[in-house]
Amino acid sequence: QIEEVTGYSGGVVRTETLYEFREEGKQD
């Protein structure tokens, strides 16, 4: 994951995912 820290609100540090690894199965 590559996560951006977007700020603080509602008592938590907010983040948003910019990139995420997505599995597509297995080979060999």
mmCIF file of all heavy atoms, coordinates in Angstrom:
data_MODEL
# 
_entry.id   MODEL 
# 
loop_
_atom_site.group_PDB 
_atom_site.id 
_atom_site.type_symbol 
_atom_site.label_atom_id 
_atom_site.label_alt_id 
_atom_site.label_comp_id 
_atom_site.label_asym_id 
_atom_site.label_entity_id 
_atom_site.label_seq_id 
_atom_site.pdbx_PDB_ins_code 
_atom_site.Cartn_x 
_atom_site.Cartn_y 
_atom_site.Cartn_z 
_atom_site.occupancy 
_atom_site.B_iso_or_equiv 
_atom_site.pdbx_formal_charge 
_atom_site.auth_seq_id 
_atom_site.auth_comp_id 
_atom_site.auth_asym_id 
_atom_site.auth_atom_id 
_atom_site.pdbx_PDB_model_num 
ATOM 1   N N   . GLN A 1 1  ? 0.838   -1.201  0.000   1.00 0.00 ? 1  GLN A N   1 
ATOM 2   C CA  . GLN A 1 1  ? 0.000   0.000   0.000   1.00 0.00 ? 1  GLN A CA  1 
ATOM 3   C C   . GLN A 1 1  ? 0.871   1.247   0.000   1.00 0.00 ? 1  GLN A C   1 
ATOM 4   O O   . GLN A 1 1  ? 1.950   1.265   0.606   1.00 0.00 ? 1  GLN A O   1 
ATOM 5   C CB  . GLN A 1 1  ? -0.902  0.049   1.246   1.00 0.00 ? 1  GLN A CB  1 
ATOM 6   C CG  . GLN A 1 1  ? -2.083  -0.891  1.230   1.00 0.00 ? 1  GLN A CG  1 
ATOM 7   C CD  . GLN A 1 1  ? -2.817  -0.879  2.556   1.00 0.00 ? 1  GLN A CD  1 
ATOM 8   O OE1 . GLN A 1 1  ? -2.443  -1.595  3.487   1.00 0.00 ? 1  GLN A OE1 1 
ATOM 9   N NE2 . GLN A 1 1  ? -3.851  -0.061  2.653   1.00 0.00 ? 1  GLN A NE2 1 
ATOM 10  N N   . ILE A 1 2  ? 0.397   2.267   -0.665  1.00 0.00 ? 2  ILE A N   1 
ATOM 11  C CA  . ILE A 1 2  ? 0.932   3.622   -0.508  1.00 0.00 ? 2  ILE A CA  1 
ATOM 12  C C   . ILE A 1 2  ? -0.232  4.466   -0.016  1.00 0.00 ? 2  ILE A C   1 
ATOM 13  O O   . ILE A 1 2  ? -1.248  4.601   -0.694  1.00 0.00 ? 2  ILE A O   1 
ATOM 14  C CB  . ILE A 1 2  ? 1.501   4.180   -1.824  1.00 0.00 ? 2  ILE A CB  1 
ATOM 15  C CG1 . ILE A 1 2  ? 2.627   3.281   -2.337  1.00 0.00 ? 2  ILE A CG1 1 
ATOM 16  C CG2 . ILE A 1 2  ? 2.020   5.610   -1.608  1.00 0.00 ? 2  ILE A CG2 1 
ATOM 17  C CD1 . ILE A 1 2  ? 3.211   3.732   -3.667  1.00 0.00 ? 2  ILE A CD1 1 
ATOM 18  N N   . GLU A 1 3  ? -0.095  5.001   1.188   1.00 0.00 ? 3  GLU A N   1 
ATOM 19  C CA  . GLU A 1 3  ? -1.188  5.671   1.875   1.00 0.00 ? 3  GLU A CA  1 
ATOM 20  C C   . GLU A 1 3  ? -0.841  7.145   2.072   1.00 0.00 ? 3  GLU A C   1 
ATOM 21  O O   . GLU A 1 3  ? 0.283   7.479   2.473   1.00 0.00 ? 3  GLU A O   1 
ATOM 22  C CB  . GLU A 1 3  ? -1.413  5.004   3.230   1.00 0.00 ? 3  GLU A CB  1 
ATOM 23  C CG  . GLU A 1 3  ? -2.769  5.240   3.824   1.00 0.00 ? 3  GLU A CG  1 
ATOM 24  C CD  . GLU A 1 3  ? -3.806  4.217   3.372   1.00 0.00 ? 3  GLU A CD  1 
ATOM 25  O OE1 . GLU A 1 3  ? -3.488  3.360   2.533   1.00 0.00 ? 3  GLU A OE1 1 
ATOM 26  O OE2 . GLU A 1 3  ? -4.944  4.290   3.876   1.00 0.00 ? 3  GLU A OE2 1 
ATOM 27  N N   . GLU A 1 4  ? -1.785  8.017   1.798   1.00 0.00 ? 4  GLU A N   1 
ATOM 28  C CA  . GLU A 1 4  ? -1.599  9.446   2.065   1.00 0.00 ? 4  GLU A CA  1 
ATOM 29  C C   . GLU A 1 4  ? -2.257  9.815   3.381   1.00 0.00 ? 4  GLU A C   1 
ATOM 30  O O   . GLU A 1 4  ? -3.393  9.411   3.659   1.00 0.00 ? 4  GLU A O   1 
ATOM 31  C CB  . GLU A 1 4  ? -2.220  10.285  0.947   1.00 0.00 ? 4  GLU A CB  1 
ATOM 32  C CG  . GLU A 1 4  ? -2.071  11.780  1.184   1.00 0.00 ? 4  GLU A CG  1 
ATOM 33  C CD  . GLU A 1 4  ? -2.797  12.642  0.158   1.00 0.00 ? 4  GLU A CD  1 
ATOM 34  O OE1 . GLU A 1 4  ? -3.602  12.084  -0.616  1.00 0.00 ? 4  GLU A OE1 1 
ATOM 35  O OE2 . GLU A 1 4  ? -2.572  13.873  0.153   1.00 0.00 ? 4  GLU A OE2 1 
ATOM 36  N N   . VAL A 1 5  ? -1.532  10.564  4.218   1.00 0.00 ? 5  VAL A N   1 
ATOM 37  C CA  . VAL A 1 5  ? -2.119  11.109  5.441   1.00 0.00 ? 5  VAL A CA  1 
ATOM 38  C C   . VAL A 1 5  ? -2.811  12.408  5.060   1.00 0.00 ? 5  VAL A C   1 
ATOM 39  O O   . VAL A 1 5  ? -2.172  13.370  4.627   1.00 0.00 ? 5  VAL A O   1 
ATOM 40  C CB  . VAL A 1 5  ? -1.046  11.358  6.519   1.00 0.00 ? 5  VAL A CB  1 
ATOM 41  C CG1 . VAL A 1 5  ? -1.683  11.955  7.776   1.00 0.00 ? 5  VAL A CG1 1 
ATOM 42  C CG2 . VAL A 1 5  ? -0.316  10.061  6.858   1.00 0.00 ? 5  VAL A CG2 1 
ATOM 43  N N   . THR A 1 6  ? -4.130  12.429  5.189   1.00 0.00 ? 6  THR A N   1 
ATOM 44  C CA  . THR A 1 6  ? -4.917  13.558  4.664   1.00 0.00 ? 6  THR A CA  1 
ATOM 45  C C   . THR A 1 6  ? -5.287  14.590  5.721   1.00 0.00 ? 6  THR A C   1 
ATOM 46  O O   . THR A 1 6  ? -5.743  15.687  5.381   1.00 0.00 ? 6  THR A O   1 
ATOM 47  C CB  . THR A 1 6  ? -6.199  13.037  3.998   1.00 0.00 ? 6  THR A CB  1 
ATOM 48  O OG1 . THR A 1 6  ? -6.944  12.241  4.942   1.00 0.00 ? 6  THR A OG1 1 
ATOM 49  C CG2 . THR A 1 6  ? -5.860  12.183  2.785   1.00 0.00 ? 6  THR A CG2 1 
ATOM 50  N N   . GLY A 1 7  ? -5.114  14.265  7.008   1.00 0.00 ? 7  GLY A N   1 
ATOM 51  C CA  . GLY A 1 7  ? -5.437  15.250  8.030   1.00 0.00 ? 7  GLY A CA  1 
ATOM 52  C C   . GLY A 1 7  ? -5.985  14.608  9.289   1.00 0.00 ? 7  GLY A C   1 
ATOM 53  O O   . GLY A 1 7  ? -5.881  13.390  9.492   1.00 0.00 ? 7  GLY A O   1 
ATOM 54  N N   . TYR A 1 8  ? -6.574  15.440  10.138  1.00 0.00 ? 8  TYR A N   1 
ATOM 55  C CA  . TYR A 1 8  ? -7.126  14.984  11.420  1.00 0.00 ? 8  TYR A CA  1 
ATOM 56  C C   . TYR A 1 8  ? -8.565  15.458  11.537  1.00 0.00 ? 8  TYR A C   1 
ATOM 57  O O   . TYR A 1 8  ? -8.875  16.638  11.317  1.00 0.00 ? 8  TYR A O   1 
ATOM 58  C CB  . TYR A 1 8  ? -6.302  15.543  12.583  1.00 0.00 ? 8  TYR A CB  1 
ATOM 59  C CG  . TYR A 1 8  ? -6.938  15.311  13.942  1.00 0.00 ? 8  TYR A CG  1 
ATOM 60  C CD1 . TYR A 1 8  ? -6.790  14.098  14.604  1.00 0.00 ? 8  TYR A CD1 1 
ATOM 61  C CD2 . TYR A 1 8  ? -7.699  16.308  14.551  1.00 0.00 ? 8  TYR A CD2 1 
ATOM 62  C CE1 . TYR A 1 8  ? -7.375  13.876  15.840  1.00 0.00 ? 8  TYR A CE1 1 
ATOM 63  C CE2 . TYR A 1 8  ? -8.291  16.102  15.794  1.00 0.00 ? 8  TYR A CE2 1 
ATOM 64  C CZ  . TYR A 1 8  ? -8.128  14.872  16.432  1.00 0.00 ? 8  TYR A CZ  1 
ATOM 65  O OH  . TYR A 1 8  ? -8.714  14.662  17.644  1.00 0.00 ? 8  TYR A OH  1 
ATOM 66  N N   . SER A 1 9  ? -9.444  14.516  11.877  1.00 0.00 ? 9  SER A N   1 
ATOM 67  C CA  . SER A 1 9  ? -10.842 14.885  12.143  1.00 0.00 ? 9  SER A CA  1 
ATOM 68  C C   . SER A 1 9  ? -11.523 13.746  12.880  1.00 0.00 ? 9  SER A C   1 
ATOM 69  O O   . SER A 1 9  ? -11.129 12.576  12.739  1.00 0.00 ? 9  SER A O   1 
ATOM 70  C CB  . SER A 1 9  ? -11.597 15.180  10.837  1.00 0.00 ? 9  SER A CB  1 
ATOM 71  O OG  . SER A 1 9  ? -11.711 14.007  10.043  1.00 0.00 ? 9  SER A OG  1 
ATOM 72  N N   . GLY A 1 10 ? -12.510 14.097  13.671  1.00 0.00 ? 10 GLY A N   1 
ATOM 73  C CA  . GLY A 1 10 ? -13.293 13.089  14.377  1.00 0.00 ? 10 GLY A CA  1 
ATOM 74  C C   . GLY A 1 10 ? -12.482 12.241  15.349  1.00 0.00 ? 10 GLY A C   1 
ATOM 75  O O   . GLY A 1 10 ? -12.822 11.083  15.607  1.00 0.00 ? 10 GLY A O   1 
ATOM 76  N N   . GLY A 1 11 ? -11.383 12.803  15.851  1.00 0.00 ? 11 GLY A N   1 
ATOM 77  C CA  . GLY A 1 11 ? -10.587 12.088  16.838  1.00 0.00 ? 11 GLY A CA  1 
ATOM 78  C C   . GLY A 1 11 ? -9.628  11.064  16.265  1.00 0.00 ? 11 GLY A C   1 
ATOM 79  O O   . GLY A 1 11 ? -9.048  10.276  17.026  1.00 0.00 ? 11 GLY A O   1 
ATOM 80  N N   . VAL A 1 12 ? -9.426  11.060  14.945  1.00 0.00 ? 12 VAL A N   1 
ATOM 81  C CA  . VAL A 1 12 ? -8.479  10.114  14.338  1.00 0.00 ? 12 VAL A CA  1 
ATOM 82  C C   . VAL A 1 12 ? -7.666  10.811  13.244  1.00 0.00 ? 12 VAL A C   1 
ATOM 83  O O   . VAL A 1 12 ? -8.098  11.811  12.665  1.00 0.00 ? 12 VAL A O   1 
ATOM 84  C CB  . VAL A 1 12 ? -9.198  8.886   13.718  1.00 0.00 ? 12 VAL A CB  1 
ATOM 85  C CG1 . VAL A 1 12 ? -9.876  8.050   14.771  1.00 0.00 ? 12 VAL A CG1 1 
ATOM 86  C CG2 . VAL A 1 12 ? -10.179 9.320   12.643  1.00 0.00 ? 12 VAL A CG2 1 
ATOM 87  N N   . VAL A 1 13 ? -6.484  10.266  12.986  1.00 0.00 ? 13 VAL A N   1 
ATOM 88  C CA  . VAL A 1 13 ? -5.661  10.710  11.862  1.00 0.00 ? 13 VAL A CA  1 
ATOM 89  C C   . VAL A 1 13 ? -6.218  10.044  10.614  1.00 0.00 ? 13 VAL A C   1 
ATOM 90  O O   . VAL A 1 13 ? -6.305  8.815   10.530  1.00 0.00 ? 13 VAL A O   1 
ATOM 91  C CB  . VAL A 1 13 ? -4.178  10.323  12.062  1.00 0.00 ? 13 VAL A CB  1 
ATOM 92  C CG1 . VAL A 1 13 ? -3.352  10.750  10.854  1.00 0.00 ? 13 VAL A CG1 1 
ATOM 93  C CG2 . VAL A 1 13 ? -3.624  10.963  13.330  1.00 0.00 ? 13 VAL A CG2 1 
ATOM 94  N N   . ARG A 1 14 ? -6.607  10.843  9.636   1.00 0.00 ? 14 ARG A N   1 
ATOM 95  C CA  . ARG A 1 14 ? -7.247  10.326  8.424   1.00 0.00 ? 14 ARG A CA  1 
ATOM 96  C C   . ARG A 1 14 ? -6.215  9.988   7.354   1.00 0.00 ? 14 ARG A C   1 
ATOM 97  O O   . ARG A 1 14 ? -5.240  10.730  7.164   1.00 0.00 ? 14 ARG A O   1 
ATOM 98  C CB  . ARG A 1 14 ? -8.232  11.354  7.866   1.00 0.00 ? 14 ARG A CB  1 
ATOM 99  C CG  . ARG A 1 14 ? -9.360  11.734  8.827   1.00 0.00 ? 14 ARG A CG  1 
ATOM 100 C CD  . ARG A 1 14 ? -10.334 10.588  9.011   1.00 0.00 ? 14 ARG A CD  1 
ATOM 101 N NE  . ARG A 1 14 ? -11.390 10.928  9.964   1.00 0.00 ? 14 ARG A NE  1 
ATOM 102 C CZ  . ARG A 1 14 ? -12.369 10.108  10.299  1.00 0.00 ? 14 ARG A CZ  1 
ATOM 103 N NH1 . ARG A 1 14 ? -12.417 8.890   9.756   1.00 0.00 ? 14 ARG A NH1 1 
ATOM 104 N NH2 . ARG A 1 14 ? -13.289 10.470  11.183  1.00 0.00 ? 14 ARG A NH2 1 
ATOM 105 N N   . THR A 1 15 ? -6.446  8.882   6.675   1.00 0.00 ? 15 THR A N   1 
ATOM 106 C CA  . THR A 1 15 ? -5.578  8.488   5.560   1.00 0.00 ? 15 THR A CA  1 
ATOM 107 C C   . THR A 1 15 ? -6.436  8.050   4.380   1.00 0.00 ? 15 THR A C   1 
ATOM 108 O O   . THR A 1 15 ? -7.623  7.723   4.539   1.00 0.00 ? 15 THR A O   1 
ATOM 109 C CB  . THR A 1 15 ? -4.637  7.330   5.946   1.00 0.00 ? 15 THR A CB  1 
ATOM 110 O OG1 . THR A 1 15 ? -5.408  6.153   6.200   1.00 0.00 ? 15 THR A OG1 1 
ATOM 111 C CG2 . THR A 1 15 ? -3.800  7.675   7.162   1.00 0.00 ? 15 THR A CG2 1 
ATOM 112 N N   . GLU A 1 16 ? -5.813  8.028   3.218   1.00 0.00 ? 16 GLU A N   1 
ATOM 113 C CA  . GLU A 1 16 ? -6.493  7.537   2.016   1.00 0.00 ? 16 GLU A CA  1 
ATOM 114 C C   . GLU A 1 16 ? -5.507  6.730   1.189   1.00 0.00 ? 16 GLU A C   1 
ATOM 115 O O   . GLU A 1 16 ? -4.353  7.141   1.011   1.00 0.00 ? 16 GLU A O   1 
ATOM 116 C CB  . GLU A 1 16 ? -7.044  8.694   1.189   1.00 0.00 ? 16 GLU A CB  1 
ATOM 117 C CG  . GLU A 1 16 ? -7.848  8.226   -0.017  1.00 0.00 ? 16 GLU A CG  1 
ATOM 118 C CD  . GLU A 1 16 ? -8.617  9.369   -0.674  1.00 0.00 ? 16 GLU A CD  1 
ATOM 119 O OE1 . GLU A 1 16 ? -7.977  10.170  -1.376  1.00 0.00 ? 16 GLU A OE1 1 
ATOM 120 O OE2 . GLU A 1 16 ? -9.846  9.452   -0.473  1.00 0.00 ? 16 GLU A OE2 1 
ATOM 121 N N   . THR A 1 17 ? -5.956  5.589   0.688   1.00 0.00 ? 17 THR A N   1 
ATOM 122 C CA  . THR A 1 17 ? -5.092  4.706   -0.095  1.00 0.00 ? 17 THR A CA  1 
ATOM 123 C C   . THR A 1 17 ? -4.896  5.258   -1.497  1.00 0.00 ? 17 THR A C   1 
ATOM 124 O O   . THR A 1 17 ? -5.870  5.554   -2.195  1.00 0.00 ? 17 THR A O   1 
ATOM 125 C CB  . THR A 1 17 ? -5.694  3.288   -0.180  1.00 0.00 ? 17 THR A CB  1 
ATOM 126 O OG1 . THR A 1 17 ? -5.893  2.786   1.143   1.00 0.00 ? 17 THR A OG1 1 
ATOM 127 C CG2 . THR A 1 17 ? -4.766  2.358   -0.941  1.00 0.00 ? 17 THR A CG2 1 
ATOM 128 N N   . LEU A 1 18 ? -3.638  5.399   -1.904  1.00 0.00 ? 18 LEU A N   1 
ATOM 129 C CA  . LEU A 1 18 ? -3.317  5.871   -3.256  1.00 0.00 ? 18 LEU A CA  1 
ATOM 130 C C   . LEU A 1 18 ? -2.998  4.706   -4.184  1.00 0.00 ? 18 LEU A C   1 
ATOM 131 O O   . LEU A 1 18 ? -3.410  4.697   -5.346  1.00 0.00 ? 18 LEU A O   1 
ATOM 132 C CB  . LEU A 1 18 ? -2.129  6.842   -3.204  1.00 0.00 ? 18 LEU A CB  1 
ATOM 133 C CG  . LEU A 1 18 ? -2.280  8.053   -2.290  1.00 0.00 ? 18 LEU A CG  1 
ATOM 134 C CD1 . LEU A 1 18 ? -1.022  8.916   -2.337  1.00 0.00 ? 18 LEU A CD1 1 
ATOM 135 C CD2 . LEU A 1 18 ? -3.505  8.881   -2.684  1.00 0.00 ? 18 LEU A CD2 1 
ATOM 136 N N   . TYR A 1 19 ? -2.229  3.723   -3.679  1.00 0.00 ? 19 TYR A N   1 
ATOM 137 C CA  . TYR A 1 19 ? -1.898  2.510   -4.430  1.00 0.00 ? 19 TYR A CA  1 
ATOM 138 C C   . TYR A 1 19 ? -2.134  1.305   -3.524  1.00 0.00 ? 19 TYR A C   1 
ATOM 139 O O   . TYR A 1 19 ? -1.891  1.372   -2.321  1.00 0.00 ? 19 TYR A O   1 
ATOM 140 C CB  . TYR A 1 19 ? -0.437  2.513   -4.886  1.00 0.00 ? 19 TYR A CB  1 
ATOM 141 C CG  . TYR A 1 19 ? -0.131  3.444   -6.038  1.00 0.00 ? 19 TYR A CG  1 
ATOM 142 C CD1 . TYR A 1 19 ? 0.042   4.806   -5.829  1.00 0.00 ? 19 TYR A CD1 1 
ATOM 143 C CD2 . TYR A 1 19 ? -0.009  2.956   -7.339  1.00 0.00 ? 19 TYR A CD2 1 
ATOM 144 C CE1 . TYR A 1 19 ? 0.335   5.665   -6.876  1.00 0.00 ? 19 TYR A CE1 1 
ATOM 145 C CE2 . TYR A 1 19 ? 0.287   3.802   -8.401  1.00 0.00 ? 19 TYR A CE2 1 
ATOM 146 C CZ  . TYR A 1 19 ? 0.457   5.150   -8.167  1.00 0.00 ? 19 TYR A CZ  1 
ATOM 147 O OH  . TYR A 1 19 ? 0.743   5.990   -9.205  1.00 0.00 ? 19 TYR A OH  1 
ATOM 148 N N   . GLU A 1 20 ? -2.581  0.213   -4.132  1.00 0.00 ? 20 GLU A N   1 
ATOM 149 C CA  . GLU A 1 20 ? -2.877  -0.992  -3.355  1.00 0.00 ? 20 GLU A CA  1 
ATOM 150 C C   . GLU A 1 20 ? -2.526  -2.230  -4.185  1.00 0.00 ? 20 GLU A C   1 
ATOM 151 O O   . GLU A 1 20 ? -2.861  -2.306  -5.369  1.00 0.00 ? 20 GLU A O   1 
ATOM 152 C CB  . GLU A 1 20 ? -4.356  -1.005  -2.982  1.00 0.00 ? 20 GLU A CB  1 
ATOM 153 C CG  . GLU A 1 20 ? -4.763  -2.156  -2.095  1.00 0.00 ? 20 GLU A CG  1 
ATOM 154 C CD  . GLU A 1 20 ? -6.232  -2.026  -1.693  1.00 0.00 ? 20 GLU A CD  1 
ATOM 155 O OE1 . GLU A 1 20 ? -7.103  -2.028  -2.597  1.00 0.00 ? 20 GLU A OE1 1 
ATOM 156 O OE2 . GLU A 1 20 ? -6.498  -1.904  -0.482  1.00 0.00 ? 20 GLU A OE2 1 
ATOM 157 N N   . PHE A 1 21 ? -1.844  -3.181  -3.547  1.00 0.00 ? 21 PHE A N   1 
ATOM 158 C CA  . PHE A 1 21 ? -1.513  -4.428  -4.248  1.00 0.00 ? 21 PHE A CA  1 
ATOM 159 C C   . PHE A 1 21 ? -2.750  -5.308  -4.326  1.00 0.00 ? 21 PHE A C   1 
ATOM 160 O O   . PHE A 1 21 ? -3.405  -5.578  -3.313  1.00 0.00 ? 21 PHE A O   1 
ATOM 161 C CB  . PHE A 1 21 ? -0.393  -5.181  -3.523  1.00 0.00 ? 21 PHE A CB  1 
ATOM 162 C CG  . PHE A 1 21 ? -0.006  -6.472  -4.200  1.00 0.00 ? 21 PHE A CG  1 
ATOM 163 C CD1 . PHE A 1 21 ? 0.833   -6.467  -5.306  1.00 0.00 ? 21 PHE A CD1 1 
ATOM 164 C CD2 . PHE A 1 21 ? -0.502  -7.683  -3.749  1.00 0.00 ? 21 PHE A CD2 1 
ATOM 165 C CE1 . PHE A 1 21 ? 1.182   -7.650  -5.947  1.00 0.00 ? 21 PHE A CE1 1 
ATOM 166 C CE2 . PHE A 1 21 ? -0.166  -8.875  -4.374  1.00 0.00 ? 21 PHE A CE2 1 
ATOM 167 C CZ  . PHE A 1 21 ? 0.679   -8.848  -5.482  1.00 0.00 ? 21 PHE A CZ  1 
ATOM 168 N N   . ARG A 1 22 ? -3.048  -5.765  -5.536  1.00 0.00 ? 22 ARG A N   1 
ATOM 169 C CA  . ARG A 1 22 ? -4.209  -6.627  -5.749  1.00 0.00 ? 22 ARG A CA  1 
ATOM 170 C C   . ARG A 1 22 ? -3.752  -7.951  -6.343  1.00 0.00 ? 22 ARG A C   1 
ATOM 171 O O   . ARG A 1 22 ? -3.137  -7.988  -7.402  1.00 0.00 ? 22 ARG A O   1 
ATOM 172 C CB  . ARG A 1 22 ? -5.232  -5.935  -6.651  1.00 0.00 ? 22 ARG A CB  1 
ATOM 173 C CG  . ARG A 1 22 ? -5.857  -4.725  -5.956  1.00 0.00 ? 22 ARG A CG  1 
ATOM 174 C CD  . ARG A 1 22 ? -6.891  -4.029  -6.780  1.00 0.00 ? 22 ARG A CD  1 
ATOM 175 N NE  . ARG A 1 22 ? -7.480  -2.907  -6.040  1.00 0.00 ? 22 ARG A NE  1 
ATOM 176 C CZ  . ARG A 1 22 ? -8.324  -2.021  -6.571  1.00 0.00 ? 22 ARG A CZ  1 
ATOM 177 N NH1 . ARG A 1 22 ? -8.678  -2.128  -7.854  1.00 0.00 ? 22 ARG A NH1 1 
ATOM 178 N NH2 . ARG A 1 22 ? -8.812  -1.037  -5.823  1.00 0.00 ? 22 ARG A NH2 1 
ATOM 179 N N   . GLU A 1 23 ? -4.085  -9.002  -5.626  1.00 0.00 ? 23 GLU A N   1 
ATOM 180 C CA  . GLU A 1 23 ? -3.670  -10.347 -6.032  1.00 0.00 ? 23 GLU A CA  1 
ATOM 181 C C   . GLU A 1 23 ? -4.533  -10.844 -7.186  1.00 0.00 ? 23 GLU A C   1 
ATOM 182 O O   . GLU A 1 23 ? -5.753  -10.644 -7.201  1.00 0.00 ? 23 GLU A O   1 
ATOM 183 C CB  . GLU A 1 23 ? -3.786  -11.273 -4.826  1.00 0.00 ? 23 GLU A CB  1 
ATOM 184 C CG  . GLU A 1 23 ? -3.080  -12.596 -4.981  1.00 0.00 ? 23 GLU A CG  1 
ATOM 185 C CD  . GLU A 1 23 ? -3.072  -13.401 -3.695  1.00 0.00 ? 23 GLU A CD  1 
ATOM 186 O OE1 . GLU A 1 23 ? -2.849  -12.793 -2.618  1.00 0.00 ? 23 GLU A OE1 1 
ATOM 187 O OE2 . GLU A 1 23 ? -3.286  -14.622 -3.771  1.00 0.00 ? 23 GLU A OE2 1 
ATOM 188 N N   . GLU A 1 24 ? -3.877  -11.526 -8.132  1.00 0.00 ? 24 GLU A N   1 
ATOM 189 C CA  . GLU A 1 24 ? -4.585  -11.989 -9.330  1.00 0.00 ? 24 GLU A CA  1 
ATOM 190 C C   . GLU A 1 24 ? -4.441  -13.494 -9.538  1.00 0.00 ? 24 GLU A C   1 
ATOM 191 O O   . GLU A 1 24 ? -4.682  -13.994 -10.640 1.00 0.00 ? 24 GLU A O   1 
ATOM 192 C CB  . GLU A 1 24 ? -4.048  -11.247 -10.560 1.00 0.00 ? 24 GLU A CB  1 
ATOM 193 C CG  . GLU A 1 24 ? -4.260  -9.737  -10.488 1.00 0.00 ? 24 GLU A CG  1 
ATOM 194 C CD  . GLU A 1 24 ? -3.452  -8.981  -11.529 1.00 0.00 ? 24 GLU A CD  1 
ATOM 195 O OE1 . GLU A 1 24 ? -2.649  -9.632  -12.235 1.00 0.00 ? 24 GLU A OE1 1 
ATOM 196 O OE2 . GLU A 1 24 ? -3.624  -7.749  -11.626 1.00 0.00 ? 24 GLU A OE2 1 
ATOM 197 N N   . GLY A 1 25 ? -4.036  -14.227 -8.499  1.00 0.00 ? 25 GLY A N   1 
ATOM 198 C CA  . GLY A 1 25 ? -3.890  -15.671 -8.625  1.00 0.00 ? 25 GLY A CA  1 
ATOM 199 C C   . GLY A 1 25 ? -2.450  -16.117 -8.468  1.00 0.00 ? 25 GLY A C   1 
ATOM 200 O O   . GLY A 1 25 ? -1.585  -15.352 -8.041  1.00 0.00 ? 25 GLY A O   1 
ATOM 201 N N   . LYS A 1 26 ? -2.185  -17.391 -8.848  1.00 0.00 ? 26 LYS A N   1 
ATOM 202 C CA  . LYS A 1 26 ? -0.841  -17.958 -8.717  1.00 0.00 ? 26 LYS A CA  1 
ATOM 203 C C   . LYS A 1 26 ? -0.406  -18.585 -10.031 1.00 0.00 ? 26 LYS A C   1 
ATOM 204 O O   . LYS A 1 26 ? -1.232  -19.072 -10.805 1.00 0.00 ? 26 LYS A O   1 
ATOM 205 C CB  . LYS A 1 26 ? -0.804  -19.015 -7.609  1.00 0.00 ? 26 LYS A CB  1 
ATOM 206 C CG  . LYS A 1 26 ? -1.009  -18.472 -6.213  1.00 0.00 ? 26 LYS A CG  1 
ATOM 207 C CD  . LYS A 1 26 ? -0.854  -19.553 -5.152  1.00 0.00 ? 26 LYS A CD  1 
ATOM 208 C CE  . LYS A 1 26 ? 0.583   -19.951 -4.957  1.00 0.00 ? 26 LYS A CE  1 
ATOM 209 N NZ  . LYS A 1 26 ? 0.768   -20.885 -3.827  1.00 0.00 ? 26 LYS A NZ  1 
ATOM 210 N N   . GLN A 1 27 ? 0.898   -18.532 -10.268 1.00 0.00 ? 27 GLN A N   1 
ATOM 211 C CA  . GLN A 1 27 ? 1.476   -19.157 -11.450 1.00 0.00 ? 27 GLN A CA  1 
ATOM 212 C C   . GLN A 1 27 ? 2.851   -19.703 -11.092 1.00 0.00 ? 27 GLN A C   1 
ATOM 213 O O   . GLN A 1 27 ? 3.713   -18.965 -10.623 1.00 0.00 ? 27 GLN A O   1 
ATOM 214 C CB  . GLN A 1 27 ? 1.589   -18.143 -12.602 1.00 0.00 ? 27 GLN A CB  1 
ATOM 215 C CG  . GLN A 1 27 ? 2.144   -18.740 -13.884 1.00 0.00 ? 27 GLN A CG  1 
ATOM 216 C CD  . GLN A 1 27 ? 2.212   -17.702 -15.000 1.00 0.00 ? 27 GLN A CD  1 
ATOM 217 O OE1 . GLN A 1 27 ? 1.570   -16.656 -14.945 1.00 0.00 ? 27 GLN A OE1 1 
ATOM 218 N NE2 . GLN A 1 27 ? 2.983   -17.997 -16.019 1.00 0.00 ? 27 GLN A NE2 1 
ATOM 219 N N   . ASP A 1 28 ? 3.051   -21.002 -11.309 1.00 0.00 ? 28 ASP A N   1 
ATOM 220 C CA  . ASP A 1 28 ? 4.319   -21.666 -10.978 1.00 0.00 ? 28 ASP A CA  1 
ATOM 221 C C   . ASP A 1 28 ? 4.721   -21.440 -9.521  1.00 0.00 ? 28 ASP A C   1 
ATOM 222 O O   . ASP A 1 28 ? 5.890   -21.226 -9.201  1.00 0.00 ? 28 ASP A O   1 
ATOM 223 C CB  . ASP A 1 28 ? 5.434   -21.183 -11.903 1.00 0.00 ? 28 ASP A CB  1 
ATOM 224 C CG  . ASP A 1 28 ? 5.145   -21.465 -13.370 1.00 0.00 ? 28 ASP A CG  1 
ATOM 225 O OD1 . ASP A 1 28 ? 4.518   -22.503 -13.642 1.00 0.00 ? 28 ASP A OD1 1 
ATOM 226 O OD2 . ASP A 1 28 ? 5.523   -20.643 -14.221 1.00 0.00 ? 28 ASP A OD2 1 
# 
